[in-house]
Amino acid sequence: FEDKIYKTIDARYLWNKIISNAYSSAEPGIVFLDRMNETNNLHYCEEIEATNPCSEQPLPPYGLCLLGSFNLPAYLYKRNDGVLLFDFVQYRKDIFDVVEAYDNIFDEAVYAIPEHEIEATTKRRMGLGLTGIANAIELLIGKPSYGNEDFCETLNVIASELTYSAYMASIELAKKRGRFALFDKDKYLESKFIKTLPDDIQESIYAHGIRNSHLISYA
């Protein structure tokens, strides 16, 4: 703390103790604030100092959570031959609708203090995620499979669709409603996370801006 060393311990011992306790009791949680700030879309105008109590959402001072999850089992359907499938068409449509609906909240909300309102309305940060992951994917695969290779590949496809569709939805909103107030095209596109998005999404952000600074958050 403040460059003063109070005690030195074995890092591997500490890490193993954290992991074993988290496995047995779900505590303690651990977050890496340096990594959060390195990959933050708004690296150029804020510093992440903490998360909300459940650690889904890294937040700057006065930051607010606007979280929502898509219930994956609701998108399962049976083809005529009885094969279970995931309805990506409806999923994609719902993502676009939810991004627009959530964006409305910033202007309709009643804020406790002025700092909350300024933080929320200048960045329009939301955190969309998933729920029912194990139920949906194990049904699709047809056996208990949580964490195996097939499971993770399926989850990657579903999660990537959420990310890409949410960012595209926010770009479309920017065309209609304008960019979020603190958007800086060049600095935003330098974000380490934004650079992981497909080239067409990055090009669309460059051309049209984006309505919401952040869009994805997983519990």
C-alpha atoms as a PDB file:
ATOM      1  CA  PHE A   1       0.000   0.000   0.000  1.00  0.00           C
ATOM      2  CA  GLU A   2       1.481   3.313  -1.158  1.00  0.00           C
ATOM      3  CA  ASP A   3       4.720   1.461  -2.035  1.00  0.00           C
ATOM      4  CA  LYS A   4       5.173   0.173   1.520  1.00  0.00           C
ATOM      5  CA  ILE A   5       5.593  -3.604   1.893  1.00  0.00           C
ATOM      6  CA  TYR A   6       3.887  -4.935   5.003  1.00  0.00           C
ATOM      7  CA  LYS A   7       4.354  -8.650   4.438  1.00  0.00           C
ATOM      8  CA  THR A   8       5.708 -11.002   1.777  1.00  0.00           C
ATOM      9  CA  ILE A   9       4.075 -14.407   1.139  1.00  0.00           C
ATOM     10  CA  ASP A  10       4.317 -17.134  -1.485  1.00  0.00           C
ATOM     11  CA  ALA A  11       2.163 -16.148  -4.468  1.00  0.00           C
ATOM     12  CA  ARG A  12       1.370 -19.739  -5.482  1.00  0.00           C
ATOM     13  CA  TYR A  13       0.180 -20.541  -1.948  1.00  0.00           C
ATOM     14  CA  LEU A  14      -2.105 -17.491  -1.931  1.00  0.00           C
ATOM     15  CA  TRP A  15      -3.499 -18.264  -5.391  1.00  0.00           C
ATOM     16  CA  ASN A  16      -4.259 -21.891  -4.473  1.00  0.00           C
ATOM     17  CA  LYS A  17      -5.965 -20.792  -1.270  1.00  0.00           C
ATOM     18  CA  ILE A  18      -8.153 -18.293  -3.158  1.00  0.00           C
ATOM     19  CA  ILE A  19      -9.133 -20.885  -5.782  1.00  0.00           C
ATOM     20  CA  SER A  20      -9.870 -23.715  -3.331  1.00  0.00           C
ATOM     21  CA  ASN A  21     -11.982 -21.439  -1.114  1.00  0.00           C
ATOM     22  CA  ALA A  22     -13.863 -20.028  -4.102  1.00  0.00           C
ATOM     23  CA  TYR A  23     -14.594 -23.581  -5.275  1.00  0.00           C
ATOM     24  CA  SER A  24     -15.906 -24.697  -1.887  1.00  0.00           C
ATOM     25  CA  SER A  25     -17.841 -21.597  -0.838  1.00  0.00           C
ATOM     26  CA  ALA A  26     -17.994 -19.128  -3.794  1.00  0.00           C
ATOM     27  CA  GLU A  27     -15.823 -16.711  -1.793  1.00  0.00           C
ATOM     28  CA  PRO A  28     -13.556 -14.827  -2.124  1.00  0.00           C
ATOM     29  CA  GLY A  29     -14.059 -13.277  -5.523  1.00  0.00           C
ATOM     30  CA  ILE A  30     -11.086 -11.817  -7.348  1.00  0.00           C
ATOM     31  CA  VAL A  31     -10.855  -9.096  -9.980  1.00  0.00           C
ATOM     32  CA  PHE A  32      -7.877  -7.601 -11.771  1.00  0.00           C
ATOM     33  CA  LEU A  33      -8.396  -3.848 -11.979  1.00  0.00           C
ATOM     34  CA  ASP A  34      -5.256  -3.308 -14.063  1.00  0.00           C
ATOM     35  CA  ARG A  35      -6.524  -5.680 -16.760  1.00  0.00           C
ATOM     36  CA  MET A  36      -9.979  -4.092 -16.641  1.00  0.00           C
ATOM     37  CA  ASN A  37      -8.487  -0.667 -17.262  1.00  0.00           C
ATOM     38  CA  GLU A  38      -6.198  -1.945 -20.020  1.00  0.00           C
ATOM     39  CA  THR A  39      -9.156  -3.360 -21.970  1.00  0.00           C
ATOM     40  CA  ASN A  40     -11.725  -0.707 -21.057  1.00  0.00           C
ATOM     41  CA  ASN A  41     -13.528   0.869 -24.027  1.00  0.00           C
ATOM     42  CA  LEU A  42     -13.314   4.210 -22.215  1.00  0.00           C
ATOM     43  CA  HIS A  43      -9.643   3.911 -21.281  1.00  0.00           C
ATOM     44  CA  TYR A  44      -9.226   7.517 -22.367  1.00  0.00           C
ATOM     45  CA  CYS A  45     -11.699   9.207 -20.011  1.00  0.00           C
ATOM     46  CA  GLU A  46     -12.275   7.074 -16.903  1.00  0.00           C
ATOM     47  CA  GLU A  47     -10.575   4.764 -14.440  1.00  0.00           C
ATOM     48  CA  ILE A  48     -12.211   1.579 -13.193  1.00  0.00           C
ATOM     49  CA  GLU A  49     -11.916   1.487  -9.401  1.00  0.00           C
ATOM     50  CA  ALA A  50     -14.322  -1.283  -8.410  1.00  0.00           C
ATOM     51  CA  THR A  51     -17.196  -3.483  -9.546  1.00  0.00           C
ATOM     52  CA  ASN A  52     -20.792  -3.812  -8.484  1.00  0.00           C
ATOM     53  CA  PRO A  53     -21.282  -6.204  -5.503  1.00  0.00           C
ATOM     54  CA  CYS A  54     -21.566  -9.317  -7.725  1.00  0.00           C
ATOM     55  CA  SER A  55     -18.601  -8.367  -9.932  1.00  0.00           C
ATOM     56  CA  GLU A  56     -20.534  -8.490 -13.206  1.00  0.00           C
ATOM     57  CA  GLN A  57     -19.869  -4.849 -14.015  1.00  0.00           C
ATOM     58  CA  PRO A  58     -16.560  -2.984 -13.624  1.00  0.00           C
ATOM     59  CA  LEU A  59     -17.385   0.626 -12.843  1.00  0.00           C
ATOM     60  CA  PRO A  60     -15.766   4.060 -12.503  1.00  0.00           C
ATOM     61  CA  PRO A  61     -16.736   6.442  -9.696  1.00  0.00           C
ATOM     62  CA  TYR A  62     -20.523   7.054  -9.674  1.00  0.00           C
ATOM     63  CA  GLY A  63     -21.006   4.298 -12.236  1.00  0.00           C
ATOM     64  CA  LEU A  64     -24.378   2.531 -12.379  1.00  0.00           C
ATOM     65  CA  CYS A  65     -25.357  -0.999 -13.408  1.00  0.00           C
ATOM     66  CA  LEU A  66     -27.850  -1.514 -16.203  1.00  0.00           C
ATOM     67  CA  LEU A  67     -27.755  -5.286 -16.574  1.00  0.00           C
ATOM     68  CA  GLY A  68     -29.919  -7.786 -18.439  1.00  0.00           C
ATOM     69  CA  SER A  69     -29.638 -11.444 -19.441  1.00  0.00           C
ATOM     70  CA  PHE A  70     -31.022 -13.396 -22.379  1.00  0.00           C
ATOM     71  CA  ASN A  71     -32.612 -16.667 -21.235  1.00  0.00           C
ATOM     72  CA  LEU A  72     -31.036 -19.212 -23.596  1.00  0.00           C
ATOM     73  CA  PRO A  73     -33.501 -22.108 -23.096  1.00  0.00           C
ATOM     74  CA  ALA A  74     -36.221 -19.830 -24.494  1.00  0.00           C
ATOM     75  CA  TYR A  75     -34.485 -19.948 -27.895  1.00  0.00           C
ATOM     76  CA  LEU A  76     -34.537 -23.722 -28.247  1.00  0.00           C
ATOM     77  CA  TYR A  77     -36.981 -25.292 -30.702  1.00  0.00           C
ATOM     78  CA  LYS A  78     -37.520 -28.659 -32.361  1.00  0.00           C
ATOM     79  CA  ARG A  79     -37.250 -29.102 -36.090  1.00  0.00           C
ATOM     80  CA  ASN A  80     -39.899 -31.226 -37.808  1.00  0.00           C
ATOM     81  CA  ASP A  81     -37.679 -34.274 -37.490  1.00  0.00           C
ATOM     82  CA  GLY A  82     -37.323 -33.731 -33.740  1.00  0.00           C
ATOM     83  CA  VAL A  83     -33.792 -32.303 -33.767  1.00  0.00           C
ATOM     84  CA  LEU A  84     -33.314 -29.556 -31.165  1.00  0.00           C
ATOM     85  CA  LEU A  85     -31.924 -26.270 -32.542  1.00  0.00           C
ATOM     86  CA  PHE A  86     -31.093 -22.749 -31.350  1.00  0.00           C
ATOM     87  CA  ASP A  87     -33.146 -19.948 -32.927  1.00  0.00           C
ATOM     88  CA  PHE A  88     -30.440 -17.474 -33.923  1.00  0.00           C
ATOM     89  CA  VAL A  89     -32.865 -15.401 -36.022  1.00  0.00           C
ATOM     90  CA  GLN A  90     -35.127 -14.617 -33.040  1.00  0.00           C
ATOM     91  CA  TYR A  91     -32.104 -14.233 -30.763  1.00  0.00           C
ATOM     92  CA  ARG A  92     -30.550 -11.612 -33.039  1.00  0.00           C
ATOM     93  CA  LYS A  93     -33.843  -9.708 -33.354  1.00  0.00           C
ATOM     94  CA  ASP A  94     -34.304  -9.676 -29.593  1.00  0.00           C
ATOM     95  CA  ILE A  95     -30.771  -8.353 -29.066  1.00  0.00           C
ATOM     96  CA  PHE A  96     -31.482  -5.397 -31.334  1.00  0.00           C
ATOM     97  CA  ASP A  97     -34.801  -4.729 -29.573  1.00  0.00           C
ATOM     98  CA  VAL A  98     -33.298  -4.963 -26.076  1.00  0.00           C
ATOM     99  CA  VAL A  99     -30.396  -2.617 -26.864  1.00  0.00           C
ATOM    100  CA  GLU A 100     -32.895  -0.001 -28.034  1.00  0.00           C
ATOM    101  CA  ALA A 101     -35.185  -0.568 -25.040  1.00  0.00           C
ATOM    102  CA  TYR A 102     -32.327  -0.316 -22.577  1.00  0.00           C
ATOM    103  CA  ASP A 103     -31.030   2.832 -24.230  1.00  0.00           C
ATOM    104  CA  ASN A 104     -34.409   4.447 -23.477  1.00  0.00           C
ATOM    105  CA  ILE A 105     -33.865   3.890 -19.757  1.00  0.00           C
ATOM    106  CA  PHE A 106     -31.067   6.443 -19.469  1.00  0.00           C
ATOM    107  CA  ASP A 107     -33.404   9.289 -20.389  1.00  0.00           C
ATOM    108  CA  GLU A 108     -36.399   8.019 -18.391  1.00  0.00           C
ATOM    109  CA  ALA A 109     -34.639   7.078 -15.142  1.00  0.00           C
ATOM    110  CA  VAL A 110     -34.843   9.004 -11.880  1.00  0.00           C
ATOM    111  CA  TYR A 111     -31.306   9.397 -10.524  1.00  0.00           C
ATOM    112  CA  ALA A 112     -30.404   9.607  -6.842  1.00  0.00           C
ATOM    113  CA  ILE A 113     -27.707  12.270  -7.282  1.00  0.00           C
ATOM    114  CA  PRO A 114     -26.540  14.489 -10.169  1.00  0.00           C
ATOM    115  CA  GLU A 115     -23.241  12.619 -10.478  1.00  0.00           C
ATOM    116  CA  HIS A 116     -25.118   9.416 -11.295  1.00  0.00           C
ATOM    117  CA  GLU A 117     -27.090  11.120 -14.044  1.00  0.00           C
ATOM    118  CA  ILE A 118     -24.012  12.672 -15.625  1.00  0.00           C
ATOM    119  CA  GLU A 119     -22.130   9.359 -15.536  1.00  0.00           C
ATOM    120  CA  ALA A 120     -25.045   7.396 -17.009  1.00  0.00           C
ATOM    121  CA  THR A 121     -26.173   9.789 -19.736  1.00  0.00           C
ATOM    122  CA  THR A 122     -22.735  10.730 -21.074  1.00  0.00           C
ATOM    123  CA  LYS A 123     -21.663   7.090 -21.520  1.00  0.00           C
ATOM    124  CA  ARG A 124     -24.942   5.122 -21.774  1.00  0.00           C
ATOM    125  CA  ARG A 125     -23.211   1.988 -20.464  1.00  0.00           C
ATOM    126  CA  MET A 126     -25.208  -1.245 -20.371  1.00  0.00           C
ATOM    127  CA  GLY A 127     -24.271  -4.854 -19.655  1.00  0.00           C
ATOM    128  CA  LEU A 128     -26.102  -7.592 -21.539  1.00  0.00           C
ATOM    129  CA  GLY A 129     -25.341 -11.213 -20.755  1.00  0.00           C
ATOM    130  CA  LEU A 130     -26.700 -14.754 -20.728  1.00  0.00           C
ATOM    131  CA  THR A 131     -28.545 -17.008 -18.301  1.00  0.00           C
ATOM    132  CA  GLY A 132     -29.557 -20.660 -18.508  1.00  0.00           C
ATOM    133  CA  ILE A 133     -26.289 -21.480 -20.285  1.00  0.00           C
ATOM    134  CA  ALA A 134     -25.833 -24.989 -18.881  1.00  0.00           C
ATOM    135  CA  ASN A 135     -29.488 -25.933 -19.389  1.00  0.00           C
ATOM    136  CA  ALA A 136     -29.653 -24.779 -22.991  1.00  0.00           C
ATOM    137  CA  ILE A 137     -26.329 -26.093 -24.265  1.00  0.00           C
ATOM    138  CA  GLU A 138     -26.538 -29.473 -22.532  1.00  0.00           C
ATOM    139  CA  LEU A 139     -29.969 -29.955 -24.115  1.00  0.00           C
ATOM    140  CA  LEU A 140     -28.543 -29.021 -27.520  1.00  0.00           C
ATOM    141  CA  ILE A 141     -25.637 -31.431 -27.129  1.00  0.00           C
ATOM    142  CA  GLY A 142     -27.873 -34.106 -25.628  1.00  0.00           C
ATOM    143  CA  LYS A 143     -25.858 -35.016 -22.538  1.00  0.00           C
ATOM    144  CA  PRO A 144     -24.278 -33.520 -19.413  1.00  0.00           C
ATOM    145  CA  SER A 145     -21.320 -31.697 -20.902  1.00  0.00           C
ATOM    146  CA  TYR A 146     -20.685 -28.490 -18.952  1.00  0.00           C
ATOM    147  CA  GLY A 147     -17.174 -27.239 -19.684  1.00  0.00           C
ATOM    148  CA  ASN A 148     -16.139 -29.800 -22.273  1.00  0.00           C
ATOM    149  CA  GLU A 149     -14.854 -28.821 -25.720  1.00  0.00           C
ATOM    150  CA  ASP A 150     -18.189 -29.127 -27.560  1.00  0.00           C
ATOM    151  CA  PHE A 151     -19.938 -27.169 -24.831  1.00  0.00           C
ATOM    152  CA  CYS A 152     -17.394 -24.343 -24.951  1.00  0.00           C
ATOM    153  CA  GLU A 153     -17.474 -24.163 -28.747  1.00  0.00           C
ATOM    154  CA  THR A 154     -21.272 -23.829 -28.700  1.00  0.00           C
ATOM    155  CA  LEU A 155     -21.129 -21.207 -25.960  1.00  0.00           C
ATOM    156  CA  ASN A 156     -18.542 -19.254 -27.944  1.00  0.00           C
ATOM    157  CA  VAL A 157     -20.856 -19.098 -30.960  1.00  0.00           C
ATOM    158  CA  ILE A 158     -23.822 -17.939 -28.861  1.00  0.00           C
ATOM    159  CA  ALA A 159     -21.796 -15.413 -26.847  1.00  0.00           C
ATOM    160  CA  SER A 160     -20.086 -14.023 -29.949  1.00  0.00           C
ATOM    161  CA  GLU A 161     -23.475 -13.496 -31.591  1.00  0.00           C
ATOM    162  CA  LEU A 162     -24.605 -11.531 -28.538  1.00  0.00           C
ATOM    163  CA  THR A 163     -21.497  -9.339 -28.612  1.00  0.00           C
ATOM    164  CA  TYR A 164     -21.484  -8.648 -32.325  1.00  0.00           C
ATOM    165  CA  SER A 165     -25.244  -8.082 -32.606  1.00  0.00           C
ATOM    166  CA  ALA A 166     -25.297  -5.785 -29.570  1.00  0.00           C
ATOM    167  CA  TYR A 167     -22.515  -3.613 -30.982  1.00  0.00           C
ATOM    168  CA  MET A 168     -24.201  -3.494 -34.382  1.00  0.00           C
ATOM    169  CA  ALA A 169     -27.490  -2.550 -32.717  1.00  0.00           C
ATOM    170  CA  SER A 170     -25.779   0.307 -30.887  1.00  0.00           C
ATOM    171  CA  ILE A 171     -24.201   1.510 -34.135  1.00  0.00           C
ATOM    172  CA  GLU A 172     -27.652   1.547 -35.740  1.00  0.00           C
ATOM    173  CA  LEU A 173     -28.967   3.539 -32.778  1.00  0.00           C
ATOM    174  CA  ALA A 174     -26.137   6.048 -33.203  1.00  0.00           C
ATOM    175  CA  LYS A 175     -27.347   6.684 -36.735  1.00  0.00           C
ATOM    176  CA  LYS A 176     -30.823   7.564 -35.405  1.00  0.00           C
ATOM    177  CA  ARG A 177     -30.139   9.072 -31.991  1.00  0.00           C
ATOM    178  CA  GLY A 178     -26.519  10.172 -32.036  1.00  0.00           C
ATOM    179  CA  ARG A 179     -23.325   8.943 -30.412  1.00  0.00           C
ATOM    180  CA  PHE A 180     -22.792   8.850 -26.661  1.00  0.00           C
ATOM    181  CA  ALA A 181     -21.479  12.197 -25.441  1.00  0.00           C
ATOM    182  CA  LEU A 182     -17.930  11.114 -24.555  1.00  0.00           C
ATOM    183  CA  PHE A 183     -17.346   9.202 -27.787  1.00  0.00           C
ATOM    184  CA  ASP A 184     -13.950   9.927 -29.339  1.00  0.00           C
ATOM    185  CA  LYS A 185     -13.655   8.003 -32.582  1.00  0.00           C
ATOM    186  CA  ASP A 186      -9.897   7.547 -32.688  1.00  0.00           C
ATOM    187  CA  LYS A 187      -9.415   6.836 -28.975  1.00  0.00           C
ATOM    188  CA  TYR A 188     -12.423   4.511 -28.761  1.00  0.00           C
ATOM    189  CA  LEU A 189     -11.171   2.424 -31.672  1.00  0.00           C
ATOM    190  CA  GLU A 190      -7.807   2.107 -29.912  1.00  0.00           C
ATOM    191  CA  SER A 191      -9.463   0.129 -27.118  1.00  0.00           C
ATOM    192  CA  LYS A 192      -7.959  -3.343 -26.794  1.00  0.00           C
ATOM    193  CA  PHE A 193     -11.435  -4.854 -26.643  1.00  0.00           C
ATOM    194  CA  ILE A 194     -12.793  -2.959 -29.633  1.00  0.00           C
ATOM    195  CA  LYS A 195      -9.820  -4.219 -31.652  1.00  0.00           C
ATOM    196  CA  THR A 196     -11.065  -7.780 -31.077  1.00  0.00           C
ATOM    197  CA  LEU A 197     -14.333  -7.055 -32.898  1.00  0.00           C
ATOM    198  CA  PRO A 198     -14.734  -8.019 -36.577  1.00  0.00           C
ATOM    199  CA  ASP A 199     -13.348  -5.502 -39.058  1.00  0.00           C
ATOM    200  CA  ASP A 200     -16.797  -4.593 -40.410  1.00  0.00           C
ATOM    201  CA  ILE A 201     -17.985  -3.591 -36.926  1.00  0.00           C
ATOM    202  CA  GLN A 202     -14.879  -1.489 -36.311  1.00  0.00           C
ATOM    203  CA  GLU A 203     -15.345   0.182 -39.705  1.00  0.00           C
ATOM    204  CA  SER A 204     -18.998   0.917 -38.898  1.00  0.00           C
ATOM    205  CA  ILE A 205     -18.015   2.484 -35.570  1.00  0.00           C
ATOM    206  CA  TYR A 206     -15.499   4.648 -37.429  1.00  0.00           C
ATOM    207  CA  ALA A 207     -18.113   5.724 -39.960  1.00  0.00           C
ATOM    208  CA  HIS A 208     -21.162   6.195 -37.718  1.00  0.00           C
ATOM    209  CA  GLY A 209     -20.060   6.161 -34.087  1.00  0.00           C
ATOM    210  CA  ILE A 210     -21.826   4.133 -31.419  1.00  0.00           C
ATOM    211  CA  ARG A 211     -24.670   4.936 -29.036  1.00  0.00           C
ATOM    212  CA  ASN A 212     -23.450   3.062 -25.933  1.00  0.00           C
ATOM    213  CA  SER A 213     -19.914   2.943 -24.562  1.00  0.00           C
ATOM    214  CA  HIS A 214     -20.217  -0.650 -23.287  1.00  0.00           C
ATOM    215  CA  LEU A 215     -22.746  -3.356 -24.106  1.00  0.00           C
ATOM    216  CA  ILE A 216     -21.699  -6.760 -22.700  1.00  0.00           C
ATOM    217  CA  SER A 217     -21.343  -7.973 -19.122  1.00  0.00           C
ATOM    218  CA  TYR A 218     -21.298 -11.543 -17.766  1.00  0.00           C
ATOM    219  CA  ALA A 219     -21.934 -12.607 -14.201  1.00  0.00           C
END
